[in-house]
Amino acid sequence: FLFTPAICIAVGLMSFWLPSQHITVYLAGDSTMSDKEV
């Protein structure tokens, strides 16, 4: 019980430093959204 608060703080700081999950954003649409040729 003496060390529990310290452990909780450490875990909290670790979660803050952990990088976010990598995600993909897909774009579905037409020419107004699309990548263009040179």
PDB file of all heavy atoms in Angstrom:
ATOM      1  N   PHE A   1       0.822  -1.207   0.000  1.00  0.00           N
ATOM      2  CA  PHE A   1       0.000   0.000   0.000  1.00  0.00           C
ATOM      3  C   PHE A   1       0.857   1.260   0.000  1.00  0.00           C
ATOM      4  O   PHE A   1       0.485   2.285  -0.529  1.00  0.00           O
ATOM      5  CB  PHE A   1      -0.931   0.008   1.216  1.00  0.00           C
ATOM      6  CG  PHE A   1      -2.050  -0.988   1.112  1.00  0.00           C
ATOM      7  CD1 PHE A   1      -2.184  -2.010   2.037  1.00  0.00           C
ATOM      8  CD2 PHE A   1      -2.950  -0.925   0.064  1.00  0.00           C
ATOM      9  CE1 PHE A   1      -3.219  -2.934   1.923  1.00  0.00           C
ATOM     10  CE2 PHE A   1      -3.979  -1.852  -0.054  1.00  0.00           C
ATOM     11  CZ  PHE A   1      -4.109  -2.857   0.880  1.00  0.00           C
ATOM     12  N   LEU A   2       2.061   1.152   0.611  1.00  0.00           N
ATOM     13  CA  LEU A   2       2.950   2.285   0.654  1.00  0.00           C
ATOM     14  C   LEU A   2       3.422   2.685  -0.726  1.00  0.00           C
ATOM     15  O   LEU A   2       3.519   3.864  -1.068  1.00  0.00           O
ATOM     16  CB  LEU A   2       4.165   1.945   1.546  1.00  0.00           C
ATOM     17  CG  LEU A   2       5.251   3.036   1.654  1.00  0.00           C
ATOM     18  CD1 LEU A   2       4.664   4.278   2.318  1.00  0.00           C
ATOM     19  CD2 LEU A   2       6.444   2.510   2.445  1.00  0.00           C
ATOM     20  N   PHE A   3       3.700   1.692  -1.562  1.00  0.00           N
ATOM     21  CA  PHE A   3       4.246   1.967  -2.886  1.00  0.00           C
ATOM     22  C   PHE A   3       3.187   2.068  -3.982  1.00  0.00           C
ATOM     23  O   PHE A   3       3.491   2.444  -5.099  1.00  0.00           O
ATOM     24  CB  PHE A   3       5.261   0.879  -3.270  1.00  0.00           C
ATOM     25  CG  PHE A   3       6.547   0.975  -2.504  1.00  0.00           C
ATOM     26  CD1 PHE A   3       6.825   0.108  -1.465  1.00  0.00           C
ATOM     27  CD2 PHE A   3       7.469   1.966  -2.815  1.00  0.00           C
ATOM     28  CE1 PHE A   3       8.009   0.212  -0.752  1.00  0.00           C
ATOM     29  CE2 PHE A   3       8.668   2.062  -2.113  1.00  0.00           C
ATOM     30  CZ  PHE A   3       8.937   1.184  -1.071  1.00  0.00           C
ATOM     31  N   THR A   4       1.933   1.725  -3.679  1.00  0.00           N
ATOM     32  CA  THR A   4       0.877   1.755  -4.690  1.00  0.00           C
ATOM     33  C   THR A   4       0.719   3.119  -5.349  1.00  0.00           C
ATOM     34  O   THR A   4       0.648   3.219  -6.573  1.00  0.00           O
ATOM     35  CB  THR A   4      -0.458   1.298  -4.104  1.00  0.00           C
ATOM     36  OG1 THR A   4      -0.332  -0.062  -3.706  1.00  0.00           O
ATOM     37  CG2 THR A   4      -1.578   1.422  -5.123  1.00  0.00           C
ATOM     38  N   PRO A   5       0.662   4.237  -4.582  1.00  0.00           N
ATOM     39  CA  PRO A   5       0.531   5.549  -5.239  1.00  0.00           C
ATOM     40  C   PRO A   5       1.660   5.827  -6.216  1.00  0.00           C
ATOM     41  O   PRO A   5       1.439   6.340  -7.313  1.00  0.00           O
ATOM     42  CB  PRO A   5       0.554   6.526  -4.059  1.00  0.00           C
ATOM     43  CG  PRO A   5       0.079   5.721  -2.903  1.00  0.00           C
ATOM     44  CD  PRO A   5       0.664   4.352  -3.116  1.00  0.00           C
ATOM     45  N   ALA A   6       2.882   5.477  -5.827  1.00  0.00           N
ATOM     46  CA  ALA A   6       4.023   5.720  -6.713  1.00  0.00           C
ATOM     47  C   ALA A   6       3.912   4.900  -7.984  1.00  0.00           C
ATOM     48  O   ALA A   6       4.227   5.376  -9.073  1.00  0.00           O
ATOM     49  CB  ALA A   6       5.325   5.386  -5.977  1.00  0.00           C
ATOM     50  N   ILE A   7       3.440   3.650  -7.820  1.00  0.00           N
ATOM     51  CA  ILE A   7       3.262   2.787  -8.979  1.00  0.00           C
ATOM     52  C   ILE A   7       2.218   3.365  -9.921  1.00  0.00           C
ATOM     53  O   ILE A   7       2.390   3.398 -11.139  1.00  0.00           O
ATOM     54  CB  ILE A   7       2.873   1.363  -8.537  1.00  0.00           C
ATOM     55  CG1 ILE A   7       4.042   0.706  -7.814  1.00  0.00           C
ATOM     56  CG2 ILE A   7       2.465   0.521  -9.740  1.00  0.00           C
ATOM     57  CD1 ILE A   7       3.683  -0.607  -7.142  1.00  0.00           C
ATOM     58  N   CYS A   8       1.122   3.833  -9.346  1.00  0.00           N
ATOM     59  CA  CYS A   8       0.037   4.411 -10.159  1.00  0.00           C
ATOM     60  C   CYS A   8       0.528   5.622 -10.957  1.00  0.00           C
ATOM     61  O   CYS A   8       0.204   5.795 -12.122  1.00  0.00           O
ATOM     62  CB  CYS A   8      -1.138   4.823  -9.270  1.00  0.00           C
ATOM     63  SG  CYS A   8      -2.023   3.427  -8.561  1.00  0.00           S
ATOM     64  N   ILE A   9       1.339   6.463 -10.288  1.00  0.00           N
ATOM     65  CA  ILE A   9       1.862   7.645 -10.968  1.00  0.00           C
ATOM     66  C   ILE A   9       2.773   7.240 -12.115  1.00  0.00           C
ATOM     67  O   ILE A   9       2.712   7.782 -13.219  1.00  0.00           O
ATOM     68  CB  ILE A   9       2.620   8.540  -9.966  1.00  0.00           C
ATOM     69  CG1 ILE A   9       1.640   9.142  -8.961  1.00  0.00           C
ATOM     70  CG2 ILE A   9       3.384   9.641 -10.706  1.00  0.00           C
ATOM     71  CD1 ILE A   9       2.312   9.865  -7.812  1.00  0.00           C
ATOM     72  N   ALA A  10       3.626   6.225 -11.842  1.00  0.00           N
ATOM     73  CA  ALA A  10       4.549   5.760 -12.876  1.00  0.00           C
ATOM     74  C   ALA A  10       3.808   5.212 -14.076  1.00  0.00           C
ATOM     75  O   ALA A  10       4.159   5.496 -15.225  1.00  0.00           O
ATOM     76  CB  ALA A  10       5.477   4.690 -12.293  1.00  0.00           C
ATOM     77  N   VAL A  11       2.753   4.406 -13.804  1.00  0.00           N
ATOM     78  CA  VAL A  11       1.952   3.843 -14.887  1.00  0.00           C
ATOM     79  C   VAL A  11       1.277   4.943 -15.680  1.00  0.00           C
ATOM     80  O   VAL A  11       1.216   4.921 -16.906  1.00  0.00           O
ATOM     81  CB  VAL A  11       0.911   2.844 -14.333  1.00  0.00           C
ATOM     82  CG1 VAL A  11      -0.059   2.443 -15.431  1.00  0.00           C
ATOM     83  CG2 VAL A  11       1.608   1.627 -13.756  1.00  0.00           C
ATOM     84  N   GLY A  12       0.784   5.955 -14.965  1.00  0.00           N
ATOM     85  CA  GLY A  12       0.127   7.071 -15.637  1.00  0.00           C
ATOM     86  C   GLY A  12       1.065   7.818 -16.554  1.00  0.00           C
ATOM     87  O   GLY A  12       0.719   8.170 -17.680  1.00  0.00           O
ATOM     88  N   LEU A  13       2.312   8.039 -16.061  1.00  0.00           N
ATOM     89  CA  LEU A  13       3.295   8.728 -16.895  1.00  0.00           C
ATOM     90  C   LEU A  13       3.689   7.898 -18.103  1.00  0.00           C
ATOM     91  O   LEU A  13       3.866   8.422 -19.203  1.00  0.00           O
ATOM     92  CB  LEU A  13       4.543   9.043 -16.061  1.00  0.00           C
ATOM     93  CG  LEU A  13       4.368  10.137 -15.004  1.00  0.00           C
ATOM     94  CD1 LEU A  13       5.621  10.232 -14.140  1.00  0.00           C
ATOM     95  CD2 LEU A  13       4.060  11.473 -15.649  1.00  0.00           C
ATOM     96  N   MET A  14       3.794   6.575 -17.915  1.00  0.00           N
ATOM     97  CA  MET A  14       4.134   5.700 -19.036  1.00  0.00           C
ATOM     98  C   MET A  14       3.063   5.751 -20.107  1.00  0.00           C
ATOM     99  O   MET A  14       3.348   5.785 -21.299  1.00  0.00           O
ATOM    100  CB  MET A  14       4.305   4.262 -18.540  1.00  0.00           C
ATOM    101  CG  MET A  14       5.591   4.032 -17.753  1.00  0.00           C
ATOM    102  SD  MET A  14       5.679   2.365 -17.089  1.00  0.00           S
ATOM    103  CE  MET A  14       5.744   1.413 -18.599  1.00  0.00           C
ATOM    104  N   SER A  15       1.793   5.762 -19.676  1.00  0.00           N
ATOM    105  CA  SER A  15       0.697   5.810 -20.651  1.00  0.00           C
ATOM    106  C   SER A  15       0.704   7.119 -21.407  1.00  0.00           C
ATOM    107  O   SER A  15       0.333   7.187 -22.573  1.00  0.00           O
ATOM    108  CB  SER A  15      -0.654   5.603 -19.944  1.00  0.00           C
ATOM    109  OG  SER A  15      -0.914   6.681 -19.060  1.00  0.00           O
ATOM    110  N   PHE A  16       1.157   8.202 -20.720  1.00  0.00           N
ATOM    111  CA  PHE A  16       1.237   9.502 -21.380  1.00  0.00           C
ATOM    112  C   PHE A  16       2.303   9.495 -22.470  1.00  0.00           C
ATOM    113  O   PHE A  16       2.171  10.104 -23.518  1.00  0.00           O
ATOM    114  CB  PHE A  16       1.540  10.577 -20.330  1.00  0.00           C
ATOM    115  CG  PHE A  16       1.678  11.959 -20.897  1.00  0.00           C
ATOM    116  CD1 PHE A  16       0.551  12.706 -21.228  1.00  0.00           C
ATOM    117  CD2 PHE A  16       2.925  12.527 -21.111  1.00  0.00           C
ATOM    118  CE1 PHE A  16       0.662  13.981 -21.756  1.00  0.00           C
ATOM    119  CE2 PHE A  16       3.050  13.792 -21.634  1.00  0.00           C
ATOM    120  CZ  PHE A  16       1.912  14.520 -21.954  1.00  0.00           C
ATOM    121  N   TRP A  17       3.407   8.770 -22.189  1.00  0.00           N
ATOM    122  CA  TRP A  17       4.511   8.761 -23.126  1.00  0.00           C
ATOM    123  C   TRP A  17       4.343   7.737 -24.251  1.00  0.00           C
ATOM    124  O   TRP A  17       5.022   7.812 -25.263  1.00  0.00           O
ATOM    125  CB  TRP A  17       5.816   8.465 -22.391  1.00  0.00           C
ATOM    126  CG  TRP A  17       6.294   9.634 -21.566  1.00  0.00           C
ATOM    127  CD1 TRP A  17       6.187  10.954 -21.876  1.00  0.00           C
ATOM    128  CD2 TRP A  17       6.948   9.572 -20.297  1.00  0.00           C
ATOM    129  NE1 TRP A  17       6.729  11.728 -20.887  1.00  0.00           N
ATOM    130  CE2 TRP A  17       7.217  10.917 -19.896  1.00  0.00           C
ATOM    131  CE3 TRP A  17       7.353   8.544 -19.451  1.00  0.00           C
ATOM    132  CZ2 TRP A  17       7.856  11.230 -18.703  1.00  0.00           C
ATOM    133  CZ3 TRP A  17       7.995   8.854 -18.266  1.00  0.00           C
ATOM    134  CH2 TRP A  17       8.236  10.180 -17.898  1.00  0.00           C
ATOM    135  N   LEU A  18       3.447   6.763 -24.074  1.00  0.00           N
ATOM    136  CA  LEU A  18       3.288   5.742 -25.099  1.00  0.00           C
ATOM    137  C   LEU A  18       2.782   6.362 -26.395  1.00  0.00           C
ATOM    138  O   LEU A  18       1.877   7.197 -26.380  1.00  0.00           O
ATOM    139  CB  LEU A  18       2.298   4.664 -24.631  1.00  0.00           C
ATOM    140  CG  LEU A  18       2.820   3.688 -23.569  1.00  0.00           C
ATOM    141  CD1 LEU A  18       1.695   2.766 -23.125  1.00  0.00           C
ATOM    142  CD2 LEU A  18       3.993   2.864 -24.092  1.00  0.00           C
ATOM    143  N   PRO A  19       3.343   6.002 -27.532  1.00  0.00           N
ATOM    144  CA  PRO A  19       2.891   6.573 -28.805  1.00  0.00           C
ATOM    145  C   PRO A  19       1.486   6.111 -29.150  1.00  0.00           C
ATOM    146  O   PRO A  19       1.057   5.025 -28.763  1.00  0.00           O
ATOM    147  CB  PRO A  19       3.913   6.020 -29.812  1.00  0.00           C
ATOM    148  CG  PRO A  19       4.445   4.768 -29.174  1.00  0.00           C
ATOM    149  CD  PRO A  19       4.437   5.027 -27.697  1.00  0.00           C
ATOM    150  N   SER A  20       0.755   6.956 -29.872  1.00  0.00           N
ATOM    151  CA  SER A  20      -0.596   6.601 -30.301  1.00  0.00           C
ATOM    152  C   SER A  20      -0.548   5.475 -31.323  1.00  0.00           C
ATOM    153  O   SER A  20       0.439   5.303 -32.045  1.00  0.00           O
ATOM    154  CB  SER A  20      -1.284   7.822 -30.921  1.00  0.00           C
ATOM    155  OG  SER A  20      -1.371   8.876 -29.991  1.00  0.00           O
ATOM    156  N   GLN A  21      -1.636   4.712 -31.368  1.00  0.00           N
ATOM    157  CA  GLN A  21      -1.760   3.655 -32.376  1.00  0.00           C
ATOM    158  C   GLN A  21      -1.680   4.275 -33.769  1.00  0.00           C
ATOM    159  O   GLN A  21      -2.292   5.302 -34.037  1.00  0.00           O
ATOM    160  CB  GLN A  21      -3.107   2.947 -32.198  1.00  0.00           C
ATOM    161  CG  GLN A  21      -3.458   1.977 -33.309  1.00  0.00           C
ATOM    162  CD  GLN A  21      -4.918   1.563 -33.273  1.00  0.00           C
ATOM    163  OE1 GLN A  21      -5.657   1.957 -32.379  1.00  0.00           O
ATOM    164  NE2 GLN A  21      -5.338   0.772 -34.242  1.00  0.00           N
ATOM    165  N   HIS A  22      -0.927   3.657 -34.643  1.00  0.00           N
ATOM    166  CA  HIS A  22      -0.846   4.145 -36.016  1.00  0.00           C
ATOM    167  C   HIS A  22      -2.140   3.787 -36.746  1.00  0.00           C
ATOM    168  O   HIS A  22      -2.627   2.664 -36.651  1.00  0.00           O
ATOM    169  CB  HIS A  22       0.341   3.528 -36.756  1.00  0.00           C
ATOM    170  CG  HIS A  22       0.641   4.217 -38.036  1.00  0.00           C
ATOM    171  ND1 HIS A  22       1.592   5.214 -38.149  1.00  0.00           N
ATOM    172  CD2 HIS A  22       0.091   4.096 -39.263  1.00  0.00           C
ATOM    173  CE1 HIS A  22       1.622   5.657 -39.384  1.00  0.00           C
ATOM    174  NE2 HIS A  22       0.718   4.996 -40.090  1.00  0.00           N
ATOM    175  N   ILE A  23      -2.702   4.751 -37.441  1.00  0.00           N
ATOM    176  CA  ILE A  23      -3.940   4.528 -38.178  1.00  0.00           C
ATOM    177  C   ILE A  23      -3.787   4.998 -39.620  1.00  0.00           C
ATOM    178  O   ILE A  23      -2.874   5.759 -39.950  1.00  0.00           O
ATOM    179  CB  ILE A  23      -5.142   5.254 -37.532  1.00  0.00           C
ATOM    180  CG1 ILE A  23      -4.929   6.780 -37.550  1.00  0.00           C
ATOM    181  CG2 ILE A  23      -5.409   4.738 -36.126  1.00  0.00           C
ATOM    182  CD1 ILE A  23      -6.159   7.568 -37.179  1.00  0.00           C
ATOM    183  N   THR A  24      -4.724   4.537 -40.454  1.00  0.00           N
ATOM    184  CA  THR A  24      -4.789   4.971 -41.846  1.00  0.00           C
ATOM    185  C   THR A  24      -6.084   5.733 -42.080  1.00  0.00           C
ATOM    186  O   THR A  24      -7.143   5.317 -41.603  1.00  0.00           O
ATOM    187  CB  THR A  24      -4.719   3.767 -42.800  1.00  0.00           C
ATOM    188  OG1 THR A  24      -3.479   3.067 -42.590  1.00  0.00           O
ATOM    189  CG2 THR A  24      -4.785   4.213 -44.256  1.00  0.00           C
ATOM    190  N   VAL A  25      -5.976   6.832 -42.781  1.00  0.00           N
ATOM    191  CA  VAL A  25      -7.151   7.592 -43.206  1.00  0.00           C
ATOM    192  C   VAL A  25      -7.310   7.388 -44.705  1.00  0.00           C
ATOM    193  O   VAL A  25      -6.437   7.790 -45.489  1.00  0.00           O
ATOM    194  CB  VAL A  25      -7.008   9.091 -42.878  1.00  0.00           C
ATOM    195  CG1 VAL A  25      -8.222   9.866 -43.398  1.00  0.00           C
ATOM    196  CG2 VAL A  25      -6.841   9.299 -41.379  1.00  0.00           C
ATOM    197  N   TYR A  26      -8.389   6.738 -45.093  1.00  0.00           N
ATOM    198  CA  TYR A  26      -8.664   6.489 -46.509  1.00  0.00           C
ATOM    199  C   TYR A  26      -9.568   7.591 -47.055  1.00  0.00           C
ATOM    200  O   TYR A  26     -10.539   8.005 -46.402  1.00  0.00           O
ATOM    201  CB  TYR A  26      -9.349   5.137 -46.697  1.00  0.00           C
ATOM    202  CG  TYR A  26      -8.476   3.950 -46.391  1.00  0.00           C
ATOM    203  CD1 TYR A  26      -8.460   3.382 -45.126  1.00  0.00           C
ATOM    204  CD2 TYR A  26      -7.659   3.383 -47.369  1.00  0.00           C
ATOM    205  CE1 TYR A  26      -7.658   2.286 -44.827  1.00  0.00           C
ATOM    206  CE2 TYR A  26      -6.855   2.293 -47.089  1.00  0.00           C
ATOM    207  CZ  TYR A  26      -6.863   1.746 -45.820  1.00  0.00           C
ATOM    208  OH  TYR A  26      -6.061   0.658 -45.536  1.00  0.00           O
ATOM    209  N   LEU A  27      -9.268   8.053 -48.257  1.00  0.00           N
ATOM    210  CA  LEU A  27     -10.096   9.037 -48.938  1.00  0.00           C
ATOM    211  C   LEU A  27     -10.789   8.353 -50.108  1.00  0.00           C
ATOM    212  O   LEU A  27     -10.133   7.816 -51.003  1.00  0.00           O
ATOM    213  CB  LEU A  27      -9.253  10.202 -49.445  1.00  0.00           C
ATOM    214  CG  LEU A  27      -8.402  10.940 -48.401  1.00  0.00           C
ATOM    215  CD1 LEU A  27      -7.682  12.122 -49.051  1.00  0.00           C
ATOM    216  CD2 LEU A  27      -9.245  11.411 -47.227  1.00  0.00           C
ATOM    217  N   ALA A  28     -12.112   8.358 -50.085  1.00  0.00           N
ATOM    218  CA  ALA A  28     -12.919   7.737 -51.140  1.00  0.00           C
ATOM    219  C   ALA A  28     -13.732   8.828 -51.820  1.00  0.00           C
ATOM    220  O   ALA A  28     -14.547   9.488 -51.176  1.00  0.00           O
ATOM    221  CB  ALA A  28     -13.845   6.673 -50.547  1.00  0.00           C
ATOM    222  N   GLY A  29     -13.480   9.024 -53.123  1.00  0.00           N
ATOM    223  CA  GLY A  29     -14.194  10.101 -53.788  1.00  0.00           C
ATOM    224  C   GLY A  29     -13.841  10.224 -55.258  1.00  0.00           C
ATOM    225  O   GLY A  29     -13.407   9.260 -55.894  1.00  0.00           O
ATOM    226  N   ASP A  30     -14.012  11.439 -55.768  1.00  0.00           N
ATOM    227  CA  ASP A  30     -13.865  11.696 -57.197  1.00  0.00           C
ATOM    228  C   ASP A  30     -12.708  12.647 -57.479  1.00  0.00           C
ATOM    229  O   ASP A  30     -11.816  12.814 -56.647  1.00  0.00           O
ATOM    230  CB  ASP A  30     -15.186  12.244 -57.758  1.00  0.00           C
ATOM    231  CG  ASP A  30     -15.690  13.460 -56.969  1.00  0.00           C
ATOM    232  OD1 ASP A  30     -14.869  14.329 -56.627  1.00  0.00           O
ATOM    233  OD2 ASP A  30     -16.905  13.522 -56.685  1.00  0.00           O
ATOM    234  N   SER A  31     -12.738  13.290 -58.649  1.00  0.00           N
ATOM    235  CA  SER A  31     -11.613  14.110 -59.098  1.00  0.00           C
ATOM    236  C   SER A  31     -11.361  15.334 -58.230  1.00  0.00           C
ATOM    237  O   SER A  31     -10.241  15.857 -58.211  1.00  0.00           O
ATOM    238  CB  SER A  31     -11.852  14.570 -60.544  1.00  0.00           C
ATOM    239  OG  SER A  31     -13.050  15.313 -60.636  1.00  0.00           O
ATOM    240  N   THR A  32     -12.353  15.819 -57.520  1.00  0.00           N
ATOM    241  CA  THR A  32     -12.142  16.995 -56.673  1.00  0.00           C
ATOM    242  C   THR A  32     -11.300  16.665 -55.452  1.00  0.00           C
ATOM    243  O   THR A  32     -10.762  17.557 -54.801  1.00  0.00           O
ATOM    244  CB  THR A  32     -13.489  17.590 -56.216  1.00  0.00           C
ATOM    245  OG1 THR A  32     -14.222  16.605 -55.481  1.00  0.00           O
ATOM    246  CG2 THR A  32     -14.309  18.047 -57.414  1.00  0.00           C
ATOM    247  N   MET A  33     -11.163  15.365 -55.160  1.00  0.00           N
ATOM    248  CA  MET A  33     -10.391  14.883 -54.015  1.00  0.00           C
ATOM    249  C   MET A  33      -9.104  14.177 -54.432  1.00  0.00           C
ATOM    250  O   MET A  33      -8.147  14.090 -53.663  1.00  0.00           O
ATOM    251  CB  MET A  33     -11.267  13.903 -53.213  1.00  0.00           C
ATOM    252  CG  MET A  33     -10.620  13.268 -52.007  1.00  0.00           C
ATOM    253  SD  MET A  33     -11.613  11.870 -51.375  1.00  0.00           S
ATOM    254  CE  MET A  33     -12.685  12.690 -50.208  1.00  0.00           C
ATOM    255  N   SER A  34      -9.028  13.696 -55.649  1.00  0.00           N
ATOM    256  CA  SER A  34      -8.002  12.738 -56.056  1.00  0.00           C
ATOM    257  C   SER A  34      -6.614  13.346 -56.236  1.00  0.00           C
ATOM    258  O   SER A  34      -6.450  14.554 -56.432  1.00  0.00           O
ATOM    259  CB  SER A  34      -8.408  12.066 -57.374  1.00  0.00           C
ATOM    260  OG  SER A  34      -8.397  13.000 -58.440  1.00  0.00           O
ATOM    261  N   ASP A  35      -5.598  12.467 -56.186  1.00  0.00           N
ATOM    262  CA  ASP A  35      -4.238  12.839 -56.572  1.00  0.00           C
ATOM    263  C   ASP A  35      -4.206  13.020 -58.095  1.00  0.00           C
ATOM    264  O   ASP A  35      -4.883  12.296 -58.824  1.00  0.00           O
ATOM    265  CB  ASP A  35      -3.244  11.745 -56.180  1.00  0.00           C
ATOM    266  CG  ASP A  35      -3.081  11.628 -54.672  1.00  0.00           C
ATOM    267  OD1 ASP A  35      -3.469  12.559 -53.955  1.00  0.00           O
ATOM    268  OD2 ASP A  35      -2.573  10.584 -54.220  1.00  0.00           O
ATOM    269  N   LYS A  36      -3.399  13.953 -58.560  1.00  0.00           N
ATOM    270  CA  LYS A  36      -3.356  14.266 -59.993  1.00  0.00           C
ATOM    271  C   LYS A  36      -2.030  13.859 -60.631  1.00  0.00           C
ATOM    272  O   LYS A  36      -0.980  13.884 -59.979  1.00  0.00           O
ATOM    273  CB  LYS A  36      -3.562  15.771 -60.212  1.00  0.00           C
ATOM    274  CG  LYS A  36      -4.837  16.324 -59.596  1.00  0.00           C
ATOM    275  CD  LYS A  36      -6.082  15.725 -60.219  1.00  0.00           C
ATOM    276  CE  LYS A  36      -7.332  16.299 -59.586  1.00  0.00           C
ATOM    277  NZ  LYS A  36      -8.562  15.743 -60.152  1.00  0.00           N
ATOM    278  N   GLU A  37      -2.090  13.511 -61.907  1.00  0.00           N
ATOM    279  CA  GLU A  37      -0.872  13.270 -62.667  1.00  0.00           C
ATOM    280  C   GLU A  37      -0.196  14.601 -62.976  1.00  0.00           C
ATOM    281  O   GLU A  37      -0.835  15.656 -62.988  1.00  0.00           O
ATOM    282  CB  GLU A  37      -1.210  12.532 -63.962  1.00  0.00           C
ATOM    283  CG  GLU A  37      -1.809  11.146 -63.764  1.00  0.00           C
ATOM    284  CD  GLU A  37      -2.075  10.454 -65.080  1.00  0.00           C
ATOM    285  OE1 GLU A  37      -1.306  10.689 -66.038  1.00  0.00           O
ATOM    286  OE2 GLU A  37      -3.049   9.675 -65.162  1.00  0.00           O
ATOM    287  N   VAL A  38       1.102  14.530 -63.251  1.00  0.00           N
ATOM    288  CA  VAL A  38       1.876  15.737 -63.530  1.00  0.00           C
ATOM    289  C   VAL A  38       1.283  16.520 -64.700  1.00  0.00           C
ATOM    290  O   VAL A  38       1.273  17.753 -64.700  1.00  0.00           O
ATOM    291  CB  VAL A  38       3.347  15.378 -63.804  1.00  0.00           C
ATOM    292  CG1 VAL A  38       4.141  16.607 -64.246  1.00  0.00           C
ATOM    293  CG2 VAL A  38       3.985  14.753 -62.566  1.00  0.00           C
TER     294      VAL A  38
END
